[in-house]
């Protein structure tokens, strides 16, 4: 799983450091995580329709298809909420309803949500029985 950032603080925002400013890199990281998690779902006999974008770029990139736009932000959040609902997980408390006025708490919640999906997938995979019997000797009555 890709390393997600879940520890942004108000100090990061005030300092304007890399964790305090939500940029194309952050959007790409979340898009890659959505892509990776969606790829694991068929192993659980689950499917979901997500369309993660992983090539965001700032306006100075001179490629309008890669710019961050309001319409794309709705799809960005919908990808995360789709994964959450597919796995039966409620969104974290600070999860944003849209990307307008995104706070550091909202940014953390987006990436925490993806970690919750990852943890749920791992839990399900670890719970599978591979032997056909949950416990040794279960079928023979030893």
Foldseek 3Di string as FASTA:
>chain_A
DQDADQDQDVVCLVVVDPLNDDDLQNLLSLLVLLVVLQVLVVVVVFHFDADRDNQADDVVVVDVVRHDDQVVQQSSLVSLVRLCVSLVHDQDPLQDPTPVPDGSNNSSSSRVSSVVSVVSSVVVVVPDDDPPDPDPPPVVVD
